[in-house]
Amino acid sequence: MLPPSFAPSGAQPALEGRTSVLAVLALMFGVLGGYLAIVFGHIARSQIKRTGGKGAGLALAGHILCYTWVVFPVAFIVIFSVLIATR
């Protein structure tokens, strides 16, 4: 008989301790500048809160990077427009 610490060969590991795939995707799309990072990040963060999984920091980093990709071009256009209008 096997000691109780050994799991049967067909046993699956617990999913609560795994890093969320959506959080990794949010970070990846955040780095690449894709707007899908916002969607994946929100879904990942709510899923992580519900299940207690890992990857909340990755999802948050994806959010921050994606929102940065959104804000900088808009700010550049506004500043450029103001500079051209005041000439």
Foldseek 3Di string as FASTA:
>chain_A
DDPPVDDPPPDDDDQLAAADPLLQVLLVCLVVQHPCNVVSLVVRCVVCVVRVYDRNVSSVNSVVSNVVSVPVVVVVVVVVVVVVVVD
